Protein backbone atom coordinates (compact mmCIF):
# COMPACT_ATOMS: atom_id res chain seq x y z
CA MET A 1 68.66 259.98 93.76
CA THR A 2 67.81 259.32 97.38
CA GLU A 3 68.70 261.63 100.18
CA ARG A 4 69.80 260.49 103.58
CA GLY A 5 66.30 261.02 104.99
CA ASP A 6 64.75 258.62 102.43
CA GLU A 7 66.73 255.59 103.57
CA PRO A 8 65.22 253.19 106.10
CA GLY A 9 66.61 253.63 109.57
CA PRO A 10 66.23 251.97 112.95
CA TYR A 11 63.01 253.96 113.60
CA SER A 12 61.52 254.12 110.12
CA GLY A 13 57.98 253.01 111.06
CA LEU A 14 54.96 255.27 110.99
CA PHE A 15 55.98 258.47 112.81
CA GLY A 16 59.14 256.66 113.98
CA SER A 17 57.18 254.59 116.48
CA VAL A 18 57.97 251.06 115.32
CA PRO A 19 61.63 250.09 115.14
CA ASP A 20 62.50 248.46 111.82
CA SER A 21 65.91 246.89 112.17
CA TYR A 22 65.44 244.51 109.21
CA GLY A 23 65.98 247.15 106.55
CA TYR A 24 68.52 249.09 108.58
CA ARG A 25 72.13 249.03 107.39
CA PRO A 26 74.33 251.18 109.58
CA ALA A 27 77.00 252.69 107.37
CA VAL A 28 78.93 254.49 110.06
CA ARG A 29 80.91 252.58 112.66
CA PRO A 30 79.16 252.90 116.04
CA LYS A 31 81.08 254.78 118.71
CA GLN A 32 80.86 251.66 120.90
CA VAL A 33 83.05 249.77 118.44
CA THR A 34 85.59 252.59 118.27
CA ILE A 35 85.77 252.88 122.06
CA ALA A 36 86.14 249.10 122.47
CA ALA A 37 88.93 249.06 119.85
CA VAL A 38 90.75 251.85 121.69
CA ILE A 39 90.37 250.07 125.05
CA SER A 40 91.60 246.78 123.59
CA GLY A 41 94.48 248.50 121.80
CA GLY A 42 95.47 250.27 125.01
CA LEU A 43 95.48 247.00 126.94
CA GLY A 44 97.58 245.42 124.19
CA ALA A 45 100.04 248.31 124.38
CA LEU A 46 100.29 247.87 128.15
CA CYS A 47 101.05 244.17 127.64
CA MET A 48 103.79 245.11 125.14
CA LEU A 49 105.22 247.55 127.68
CA LEU A 50 105.18 244.81 130.30
CA ALA A 51 107.11 242.52 127.94
CA VAL A 52 109.73 245.24 127.39
CA LEU A 53 109.99 246.00 131.12
CA THR A 54 110.47 242.29 131.81
CA LEU A 55 113.71 242.51 129.81
CA THR A 56 115.09 245.22 132.11
CA SER A 57 116.57 244.93 135.59
CA ALA A 58 113.02 244.66 136.98
CA GLY A 59 112.53 241.45 134.99
CA GLY A 60 113.13 239.18 137.96
CA GLN A 61 110.41 240.82 140.02
CA ILE A 62 107.95 240.92 137.11
CA SER A 63 108.72 237.28 136.33
CA GLU A 64 108.09 236.37 139.95
CA VAL A 65 104.69 238.10 139.90
CA LEU A 66 103.65 236.53 136.57
CA THR A 67 105.07 233.01 136.94
CA GLY A 68 105.92 232.59 140.61
CA SER A 69 109.67 232.27 139.98
CA ARG A 70 112.41 234.81 139.30
CA GLY A 71 114.14 232.53 136.81
CA ASN A 72 111.26 232.40 134.33
CA THR A 73 111.93 235.68 132.52
CA PRO A 74 111.56 234.15 129.01
CA VAL A 75 108.21 232.64 130.01
CA ALA A 76 107.05 235.99 131.42
CA VAL A 77 108.07 237.80 128.21
CA ALA A 78 106.27 235.20 126.08
CA ALA A 79 103.14 235.46 128.24
CA ALA A 80 103.12 239.25 127.95
CA LEU A 81 103.56 239.07 124.16
CA VAL A 82 100.74 236.53 123.80
CA CYS A 83 98.58 238.80 125.96
CA ALA A 84 99.43 241.73 123.69
CA LEU A 85 98.44 239.76 120.59
CA ILE A 86 95.16 238.68 122.18
CA TYR A 87 94.24 242.34 122.67
CA LEU A 88 95.82 243.98 119.61
CA VAL A 89 94.66 241.67 116.80
CA PRO A 90 90.93 241.93 117.63
CA ALA A 91 91.33 245.69 118.22
CA ILE A 92 92.51 246.06 114.63
CA TYR A 93 89.94 243.75 113.03
CA VAL A 94 86.90 244.83 115.02
CA ARG A 95 87.21 248.26 113.39
CA LYS A 96 87.25 246.53 109.99
CA ARG A 97 83.92 244.87 110.83
CA TYR A 98 85.09 241.27 111.23
CA ALA A 99 82.55 239.44 113.39
CA TRP A 100 85.14 236.96 114.71
CA ALA A 101 87.03 239.88 116.27
CA ARG A 102 83.90 240.90 118.17
CA TYR A 103 83.53 237.35 119.50
CA VAL A 104 87.19 237.27 120.53
CA LEU A 105 86.78 240.56 122.40
CA ILE A 106 83.68 239.20 124.14
CA ALA A 107 85.63 236.09 125.21
CA VAL A 108 88.65 238.13 126.33
CA ALA A 109 86.40 240.47 128.32
CA ALA A 110 84.65 237.50 129.96
CA MET A 111 88.00 235.96 130.92
CA GLY A 112 89.18 239.34 132.22
CA ILE A 113 86.04 239.61 134.35
CA ALA A 114 86.56 236.09 135.73
CA GLY A 115 90.19 236.84 136.52
CA GLY A 116 89.26 240.17 138.06
CA LEU A 117 86.68 238.58 140.32
CA MET A 118 89.21 236.02 141.53
CA ALA A 119 91.75 238.73 142.37
CA LEU A 120 89.44 241.13 144.22
CA PRO A 121 89.93 243.72 145.71
CA ALA A 122 93.27 244.36 144.02
CA SER A 123 91.80 244.15 140.52
CA LEU A 124 88.96 246.68 140.59
CA LEU A 125 90.32 248.77 137.69
CA GLY A 126 90.94 245.76 135.46
CA LEU A 127 87.53 244.37 136.33
CA ALA A 128 85.85 247.68 135.45
CA ILE A 129 87.72 247.90 132.14
CA HIS A 130 86.73 244.38 131.10
CA VAL A 131 83.10 244.93 132.15
CA ALA A 132 83.04 248.09 130.01
CA LEU A 133 84.57 246.20 127.07
CA LEU A 134 81.95 243.46 127.37
CA ILE A 135 79.08 245.95 127.61
CA LEU A 136 80.32 247.83 124.54
CA MET A 137 80.49 244.63 122.49
CA LEU A 138 76.99 243.51 123.51
CA GLN A 139 75.09 246.75 122.83
CA ARG A 140 72.49 246.87 120.07
CA PRO A 141 74.31 249.30 117.72
CA THR A 142 77.37 247.06 117.82
CA LYS A 143 75.32 243.92 117.11
CA LEU A 144 73.52 245.57 114.20
CA TRP A 145 76.72 246.89 112.68
CA PHE A 146 78.28 243.43 112.63
CA GLN A 147 75.12 241.68 111.41
CA HIS A 148 74.84 243.81 108.28
CA ARG A 149 78.28 243.33 106.83
């Protein structure tokens, strides 16, 4: 029977000096993945809320902001629901260790950064959130966790 200390880890070289990531199999989900899933889920929930609010009396104004016309409420609702799916589906599957979900979150974060840069200075919060999401998905513990599925 092996104890936890007998298993190879990320620093299992002589005196822990040489990183050995080849034999390393992280069993516990890294906190970066959990945080990214929570951020993505929160953004998806906000998109769902936007879709619901578009169906209220404020729908004309929201539709005008999203589509440029007050008469496009169905298009605005559909856009908000698609946005919600783009955030919620990867948020669910990234926690289940599906590599495609990580790639989708990287792409969504990159598009969010591009959109945030184009809408400066009004989009500083959204830009910061998407930068954080991208950084979390590109960190070494996240990469290793998805590589060793």
